[in-house]
Amino acid sequence: WHSYFYPSRYYGTWMALELIRGQSAMEPLRDRALDFLLSSQSSDGRWGDEGNAYETALACLALQAAGEDGSALRKAIRSLLDSQRDDGSWRTERDIWRFHSSADDVWRAFDTNRVITTSLVRCALRQIPGRG
């Protein structure tokens, strides 16, 4: 799913899966979202145009909301752990928020201080089934 202000399609997918979590009538939507997530994962376990931690964390959270805890999630978690910076943070170069009021007026936000990306990764890691 796409979202209005958040350019990553993984953000909207995560929010939609959270919304329909546990609703058996919504299983076809969950399955379609799960197919999208699994088919868009890169071979190194990451997601996103640049394979970055922000979109990978969003996709992990979406997988977890869909009840997926298989090899795709394990591969993604490994890639997140491998991409952690020496100071303990994660980063992205992508804009994480975008607003278009007109063709000439575009507002964009970046995670310059790595707070949002690091928070999302930590949320994804915290929800790993069987962690310990």
N, C-alpha and C. Protein backbone atom coordinates (compact mmCIF):
# COMPACT_ATOMS: atom_id res chain seq x y z
N TRP A 1 0.83 -1.18 0.00
CA TRP A 1 0.00 0.00 0.00
C TRP A 1 0.87 1.24 0.00
N HIS A 2 0.39 2.26 -0.68
CA HIS A 2 1.06 3.55 -0.66
C HIS A 2 0.48 4.38 0.48
N SER A 3 1.26 5.31 0.96
CA SER A 3 0.77 6.22 1.99
C SER A 3 1.00 7.65 1.51
N TYR A 4 0.24 8.56 2.04
CA TYR A 4 0.22 9.92 1.50
C TYR A 4 1.54 10.67 1.71
N PHE A 5 2.01 10.77 2.91
CA PHE A 5 3.22 11.55 3.19
C PHE A 5 4.49 10.72 3.21
N TYR A 6 4.36 9.42 3.36
CA TYR A 6 5.54 8.57 3.50
C TYR A 6 5.82 7.90 2.16
N PRO A 7 6.94 8.25 1.52
CA PRO A 7 7.19 7.75 0.17
C PRO A 7 7.47 6.26 0.08
N SER A 8 7.84 5.63 1.18
CA SER A 8 8.11 4.20 1.13
C SER A 8 6.82 3.40 1.10
N ARG A 9 6.68 2.53 0.14
CA ARG A 9 5.48 1.68 0.07
C ARG A 9 5.45 0.66 1.20
N TYR A 10 6.57 0.46 1.86
CA TYR A 10 6.62 -0.48 2.98
C TYR A 10 5.97 0.11 4.23
N TYR A 11 5.97 1.42 4.35
CA TYR A 11 5.30 2.06 5.49
C TYR A 11 3.78 1.80 5.42
N GLY A 12 3.18 2.10 4.29
CA GLY A 12 1.75 1.88 4.13
C GLY A 12 1.37 0.42 4.26
N THR A 13 2.21 -0.47 3.77
CA THR A 13 1.95 -1.90 3.87
C THR A 13 1.98 -2.33 5.33
N TRP A 14 2.95 -1.84 6.09
CA TRP A 14 3.03 -2.15 7.51
C TRP A 14 1.77 -1.67 8.25
N MET A 15 1.37 -0.43 7.98
CA MET A 15 0.20 0.12 8.66
C MET A 15 -1.06 -0.67 8.32
N ALA A 16 -1.22 -1.04 7.06
CA ALA A 16 -2.40 -1.80 6.64
C ALA A 16 -2.41 -3.18 7.30
N LEU A 17 -1.25 -3.83 7.35
CA LEU A 17 -1.18 -5.15 7.97
C LEU A 17 -1.44 -5.09 9.47
N GLU A 18 -1.00 -4.03 10.10
CA GLU A 18 -1.31 -3.85 11.53
C GLU A 18 -2.81 -3.70 11.72
N LEU A 19 -3.43 -2.97 10.82
CA LEU A 19 -4.87 -2.71 10.91
C LEU A 19 -5.70 -3.99 10.75
N ILE A 20 -5.28 -4.88 9.86
CA ILE A 20 -6.07 -6.08 9.58
C ILE A 20 -5.57 -7.31 10.34
N ARG A 21 -4.58 -7.14 11.20
CA ARG A 21 -4.00 -8.27 11.94
C ARG A 21 -5.09 -9.05 12.68
N GLY A 22 -5.07 -10.37 12.49
CA GLY A 22 -5.99 -11.24 13.19
C GLY A 22 -7.41 -11.28 12.65
N GLN A 23 -7.69 -10.60 11.58
CA GLN A 23 -9.04 -10.60 11.00
C GLN A 23 -9.09 -11.61 9.85
N SER A 24 -9.71 -12.72 10.09
CA SER A 24 -9.70 -13.80 9.09
C SER A 24 -10.36 -13.38 7.78
N ALA A 25 -11.32 -12.48 7.82
CA ALA A 25 -11.96 -12.02 6.59
C ALA A 25 -10.99 -11.25 5.70
N MET A 26 -9.89 -10.78 6.27
CA MET A 26 -8.91 -9.98 5.53
C MET A 26 -7.71 -10.81 5.06
N GLU A 27 -7.78 -12.11 5.20
CA GLU A 27 -6.64 -12.95 4.81
C GLU A 27 -6.22 -12.78 3.35
N PRO A 28 -7.15 -12.62 2.39
CA PRO A 28 -6.69 -12.40 1.01
C PRO A 28 -5.83 -11.13 0.87
N LEU A 29 -6.19 -10.08 1.59
CA LEU A 29 -5.37 -8.86 1.56
C LEU A 29 -4.02 -9.10 2.21
N ARG A 30 -4.03 -9.81 3.34
CA ARG A 30 -2.78 -10.13 4.02
C ARG A 30 -1.88 -10.95 3.11
N ASP A 31 -2.46 -11.94 2.43
CA ASP A 31 -1.67 -12.79 1.54
C ASP A 31 -1.08 -11.99 0.39
N ARG A 32 -1.85 -11.07 -0.15
CA ARG A 32 -1.36 -10.22 -1.25
C ARG A 32 -0.21 -9.33 -0.77
N ALA A 33 -0.35 -8.77 0.41
CA ALA A 33 0.71 -7.93 0.97
C ALA A 33 1.95 -8.78 1.26
N LEU A 34 1.74 -9.96 1.78
CA LEU A 34 2.86 -10.85 2.07
C LEU A 34 3.59 -11.24 0.79
N ASP A 35 2.86 -11.53 -0.27
CA ASP A 35 3.48 -11.83 -1.57
C ASP A 35 4.32 -10.66 -2.05
N PHE A 36 3.77 -9.45 -1.92
CA PHE A 36 4.52 -8.25 -2.32
C PHE A 36 5.81 -8.13 -1.52
N LEU A 37 5.73 -8.29 -0.21
CA LEU A 37 6.91 -8.16 0.64
C LEU A 37 7.97 -9.20 0.30
N LEU A 38 7.55 -10.44 0.19
CA LEU A 38 8.51 -11.51 -0.07
C LEU A 38 9.14 -11.39 -1.46
N SER A 39 8.36 -10.94 -2.43
CA SER A 39 8.90 -10.83 -3.79
C SER A 39 9.78 -9.59 -3.98
N SER A 40 9.68 -8.63 -3.09
CA SER A 40 10.48 -7.40 -3.27
C SER A 40 11.74 -7.39 -2.40
N GLN A 41 11.98 -8.45 -1.67
CA GLN A 41 13.20 -8.53 -0.87
C GLN A 41 14.38 -8.83 -1.78
N SER A 42 15.48 -8.13 -1.58
CA SER A 42 16.67 -8.39 -2.41
C SER A 42 17.40 -9.63 -1.90
N SER A 43 18.32 -10.10 -2.69
CA SER A 43 19.03 -11.34 -2.34
C SER A 43 19.88 -11.19 -1.08
N ASP A 44 20.26 -9.96 -0.73
CA ASP A 44 21.05 -9.76 0.49
C ASP A 44 20.18 -9.59 1.73
N GLY A 45 18.86 -9.73 1.58
CA GLY A 45 17.95 -9.67 2.71
C GLY A 45 17.33 -8.32 2.97
N ARG A 46 17.68 -7.32 2.19
CA ARG A 46 17.19 -5.97 2.41
C ARG A 46 16.03 -5.63 1.49
N TRP A 47 15.39 -4.50 1.80
CA TRP A 47 14.33 -3.95 0.97
C TRP A 47 14.67 -2.52 0.61
N GLY A 48 14.00 -2.02 -0.42
CA GLY A 48 14.12 -0.62 -0.79
C GLY A 48 14.97 -0.42 -2.02
N ASP A 49 14.80 0.74 -2.62
CA ASP A 49 15.55 1.08 -3.83
C ASP A 49 17.04 1.00 -3.60
N GLU A 50 17.48 1.40 -2.43
CA GLU A 50 18.90 1.39 -2.11
C GLU A 50 19.24 0.29 -1.13
N GLY A 51 18.26 -0.55 -0.80
CA GLY A 51 18.49 -1.60 0.18
C GLY A 51 18.93 -1.04 1.51
N ASN A 52 18.15 -0.13 2.05
CA ASN A 52 18.58 0.56 3.27
C ASN A 52 17.87 0.07 4.52
N ALA A 53 18.42 0.44 5.67
CA ALA A 53 17.91 -0.02 6.95
C ALA A 53 16.49 0.48 7.23
N TYR A 54 16.16 1.69 6.80
CA TYR A 54 14.83 2.25 7.04
C TYR A 54 13.74 1.39 6.39
N GLU A 55 13.89 1.14 5.11
CA GLU A 55 12.88 0.34 4.40
C GLU A 55 12.93 -1.12 4.81
N THR A 56 14.10 -1.62 5.15
CA THR A 56 14.20 -3.00 5.62
C THR A 56 13.47 -3.15 6.95
N ALA A 57 13.63 -2.18 7.85
CA ALA A 57 12.93 -2.24 9.13
C ALA A 57 11.42 -2.17 8.93
N LEU A 58 10.96 -1.28 8.03
CA LEU A 58 9.53 -1.20 7.75
C LEU A 58 9.00 -2.52 7.21
N ALA A 59 9.73 -3.13 6.30
CA ALA A 59 9.31 -4.42 5.73
C ALA A 59 9.30 -5.51 6.80
N CYS A 60 10.27 -5.50 7.70
CA CYS A 60 10.30 -6.48 8.79
C CYS A 60 9.08 -6.32 9.69
N LEU A 61 8.76 -5.09 10.02
CA LEU A 61 7.58 -4.83 10.85
C LEU A 61 6.31 -5.28 10.13
N ALA A 62 6.25 -5.08 8.83
CA ALA A 62 5.09 -5.53 8.05
C ALA A 62 5.02 -7.06 8.04
N LEU A 63 6.16 -7.72 7.86
CA LEU A 63 6.17 -9.19 7.89
C LEU A 63 5.69 -9.70 9.24
N GLN A 64 6.16 -9.08 10.29
CA GLN A 64 5.75 -9.50 11.63
C GLN A 64 4.26 -9.27 11.85
N ALA A 65 3.72 -8.17 11.33
CA ALA A 65 2.29 -7.90 11.45
C ALA A 65 1.47 -8.94 10.67
N ALA A 66 2.07 -9.48 9.61
CA ALA A 66 1.40 -10.51 8.81
C ALA A 66 1.56 -11.90 9.40
N GLY A 67 2.32 -12.01 10.48
CA GLY A 67 2.53 -13.31 11.12
C GLY A 67 3.65 -14.13 10.50
N GLU A 68 4.47 -13.50 9.69
CA GLU A 68 5.57 -14.20 9.01
C GLU A 68 6.80 -14.20 9.92
N ASP A 69 7.38 -15.36 10.13
CA ASP A 69 8.60 -15.43 10.93
C ASP A 69 9.62 -16.39 10.31
N GLY A 70 9.54 -16.56 9.00
CA GLY A 70 10.38 -17.51 8.29
C GLY A 70 11.72 -16.96 7.86
N SER A 71 12.26 -17.56 6.83
CA SER A 71 13.62 -17.25 6.38
C SER A 71 13.78 -15.82 5.88
N ALA A 72 12.74 -15.25 5.28
CA ALA A 72 12.84 -13.87 4.80
C ALA A 72 13.10 -12.91 5.96
N LEU A 73 12.42 -13.13 7.06
CA LEU A 73 12.61 -12.27 8.23
C LEU A 73 13.99 -12.50 8.84
N ARG A 74 14.41 -13.73 8.95
CA ARG A 74 15.74 -14.02 9.51
C ARG A 74 16.84 -13.40 8.65
N LYS A 75 16.70 -13.50 7.34
CA LYS A 75 17.68 -12.91 6.42
C LYS A 75 17.72 -11.39 6.58
N ALA A 76 16.55 -10.78 6.72
CA ALA A 76 16.48 -9.33 6.89
C ALA A 76 17.11 -8.89 8.21
N ILE A 77 16.84 -9.62 9.27
CA ILE A 77 17.41 -9.30 10.58
C ILE A 77 18.93 -9.39 10.51
N ARG A 78 19.44 -10.40 9.83
CA ARG A 78 20.89 -10.53 9.68
C ARG A 78 21.45 -9.32 8.93
N SER A 79 20.78 -8.89 7.87
CA SER A 79 21.27 -7.73 7.11
C SER A 79 21.22 -6.46 7.95
N LEU A 80 20.19 -6.33 8.80
CA LEU A 80 20.12 -5.16 9.68
C LEU A 80 21.26 -5.17 10.69
N LEU A 81 21.50 -6.32 11.29
CA LEU A 81 22.59 -6.40 12.25
C LEU A 81 23.94 -6.12 11.60
N ASP A 82 24.10 -6.58 10.36
CA ASP A 82 25.35 -6.33 9.63
C ASP A 82 25.52 -4.88 9.23
N SER A 83 24.41 -4.14 9.11
CA SER A 83 24.51 -2.74 8.66
C SER A 83 24.54 -1.74 9.81
N GLN A 84 24.55 -2.23 11.03
CA GLN A 84 24.60 -1.31 12.17
C GLN A 84 25.93 -0.56 12.17
N ARG A 85 25.85 0.73 12.43
CA ARG A 85 27.05 1.57 12.45
C ARG A 85 27.81 1.39 13.76
N ASP A 86 29.06 1.82 13.78
CA ASP A 86 29.90 1.67 14.96
C ASP A 86 29.31 2.35 16.20
N ASP A 87 28.53 3.42 16.00
CA ASP A 87 27.94 4.11 17.15
C ASP A 87 26.62 3.48 17.60
N GLY A 88 26.22 2.36 16.99
CA GLY A 88 25.00 1.65 17.37
C GLY A 88 23.76 2.06 16.60
N SER A 89 23.89 2.99 15.67
CA SER A 89 22.74 3.48 14.92
C SER A 89 22.64 2.82 13.55
N TRP A 90 21.52 3.12 12.89
CA TRP A 90 21.31 2.73 11.50
C TRP A 90 20.94 3.99 10.74
N ARG A 91 21.16 3.99 9.42
CA ARG A 91 20.87 5.21 8.64
C ARG A 91 20.22 4.88 7.32
N THR A 92 19.68 5.95 6.74
CA THR A 92 19.15 5.90 5.39
C THR A 92 19.46 7.21 4.70
N GLU A 93 19.63 7.16 3.42
CA GLU A 93 19.84 8.37 2.63
C GLU A 93 18.53 8.85 2.00
N ARG A 94 17.50 8.02 2.06
CA ARG A 94 16.21 8.36 1.44
C ARG A 94 15.47 9.41 2.23
N ASP A 95 14.59 10.13 1.56
CA ASP A 95 13.68 11.00 2.30
C ASP A 95 12.62 10.11 2.93
N ILE A 96 12.29 10.41 4.16
CA ILE A 96 11.34 9.58 4.90
C ILE A 96 9.96 10.20 4.97
N TRP A 97 9.84 11.43 4.52
CA TRP A 97 8.56 12.14 4.53
C TRP A 97 8.60 13.11 3.36
N ARG A 98 7.47 13.19 2.64
CA ARG A 98 7.42 14.07 1.47
C ARG A 98 6.01 14.64 1.32
N PHE A 99 5.94 15.94 1.07
CA PHE A 99 4.65 16.59 0.88
C PHE A 99 4.72 17.44 -0.38
N HIS A 100 3.74 17.29 -1.26
CA HIS A 100 3.65 18.06 -2.49
C HIS A 100 2.41 18.94 -2.41
N SER A 101 2.60 20.23 -2.22
CA SER A 101 1.43 21.10 -2.26
C SER A 101 1.16 21.57 -3.68
N SER A 102 2.21 21.55 -4.49
CA SER A 102 2.09 21.86 -5.91
C SER A 102 3.33 21.31 -6.60
N ALA A 103 3.36 21.38 -7.91
CA ALA A 103 4.52 20.87 -8.64
C ALA A 103 5.81 21.60 -8.28
N ASP A 104 5.68 22.86 -7.88
CA ASP A 104 6.85 23.66 -7.54
C ASP A 104 7.15 23.70 -6.05
N ASP A 105 6.28 23.14 -5.24
CA ASP A 105 6.43 23.24 -3.79
C ASP A 105 6.45 21.84 -3.18
N VAL A 106 7.65 21.33 -2.93
CA VAL A 106 7.81 20.00 -2.37
C VAL A 106 8.60 20.12 -1.07
N TRP A 107 8.06 19.57 -0.01
CA TRP A 107 8.75 19.53 1.28
C TRP A 107 9.22 18.11 1.51
N ARG A 108 10.45 17.97 1.95
CA ARG A 108 11.02 16.65 2.18
C ARG A 108 11.72 16.64 3.53
N ALA A 109 11.67 15.50 4.19
CA ALA A 109 12.37 15.34 5.47
C ALA A 109 13.32 14.15 5.36
N PHE A 110 14.47 14.32 5.96
CA PHE A 110 15.48 13.28 5.98
C PHE A 110 15.81 12.93 7.42
N ASP A 111 16.24 11.72 7.65
CA ASP A 111 16.61 11.26 8.99
C ASP A 111 18.09 11.55 9.22
N THR A 112 18.43 12.81 9.21
CA THR A 112 19.82 13.25 9.31
C THR A 112 20.51 12.73 10.57
N ASN A 113 19.81 12.72 11.67
CA ASN A 113 20.41 12.28 12.93
C ASN A 113 20.22 10.79 13.21
N ARG A 114 19.64 10.08 12.27
CA ARG A 114 19.46 8.62 12.33
C ARG A 114 18.54 8.14 13.45
N VAL A 115 17.74 9.03 13.99
CA VAL A 115 16.86 8.68 15.11
C VAL A 115 15.69 7.80 14.65
N ILE A 116 15.03 8.18 13.57
CA ILE A 116 13.85 7.44 13.11
C ILE A 116 14.25 6.07 12.60
N THR A 117 15.28 6.01 11.79
CA THR A 117 15.73 4.72 11.25
C THR A 117 16.17 3.79 12.38
N THR A 118 16.95 4.30 13.31
CA THR A 118 17.40 3.49 14.43
C THR A 118 16.22 3.01 15.27
N SER A 119 15.25 3.87 15.50
CA SER A 119 14.07 3.48 16.28
C SER A 119 13.28 2.39 15.59
N LEU A 120 13.09 2.52 14.27
CA LEU A 120 12.35 1.48 13.53
C LEU A 120 13.09 0.15 13.56
N VAL A 121 14.40 0.19 13.38
CA VAL A 121 15.18 -1.05 13.42
C VAL A 121 15.06 -1.69 14.80
N ARG A 122 15.18 -0.90 15.84
CA ARG A 122 15.06 -1.44 17.20
C ARG A 122 13.68 -2.03 17.45
N CYS A 123 12.64 -1.41 16.93
CA CYS A 123 11.28 -1.97 17.05
C CYS A 123 11.19 -3.31 16.34
N ALA A 124 11.76 -3.38 15.14
CA ALA A 124 11.73 -4.64 14.39
C ALA A 124 12.50 -5.73 15.12
N LEU A 125 13.66 -5.40 15.65
CA LEU A 125 14.47 -6.39 16.36
C LEU A 125 13.78 -6.82 17.66
N ARG A 126 13.12 -5.91 18.33
CA ARG A 126 12.44 -6.22 19.59
C ARG A 126 11.30 -7.22 19.39
N GLN A 127 10.71 -7.23 18.21
CA GLN A 127 9.56 -8.10 17.96
C GLN A 127 9.93 -9.45 17.37
N ILE A 128 11.21 -9.75 17.27
CA ILE A 128 11.63 -11.03 16.68
C ILE A 128 11.11 -12.18 17.55
N PRO A 129 10.40 -13.11 16.94
CA PRO A 129 9.91 -14.27 17.71
C PRO A 129 11.09 -15.10 18.24
N GLY A 130 11.02 -15.49 19.49
CA GLY A 130 12.03 -16.35 20.05
C GLY A 130 13.38 -15.72 20.29
N ARG A 131 13.41 -14.40 20.31
CA ARG A 131 14.70 -13.74 20.54
C ARG A 131 15.14 -14.01 21.96
N GLY A 132 16.42 -13.85 22.22
CA GLY A 132 16.84 -14.06 23.59
C GLY A 132 18.28 -13.86 23.80
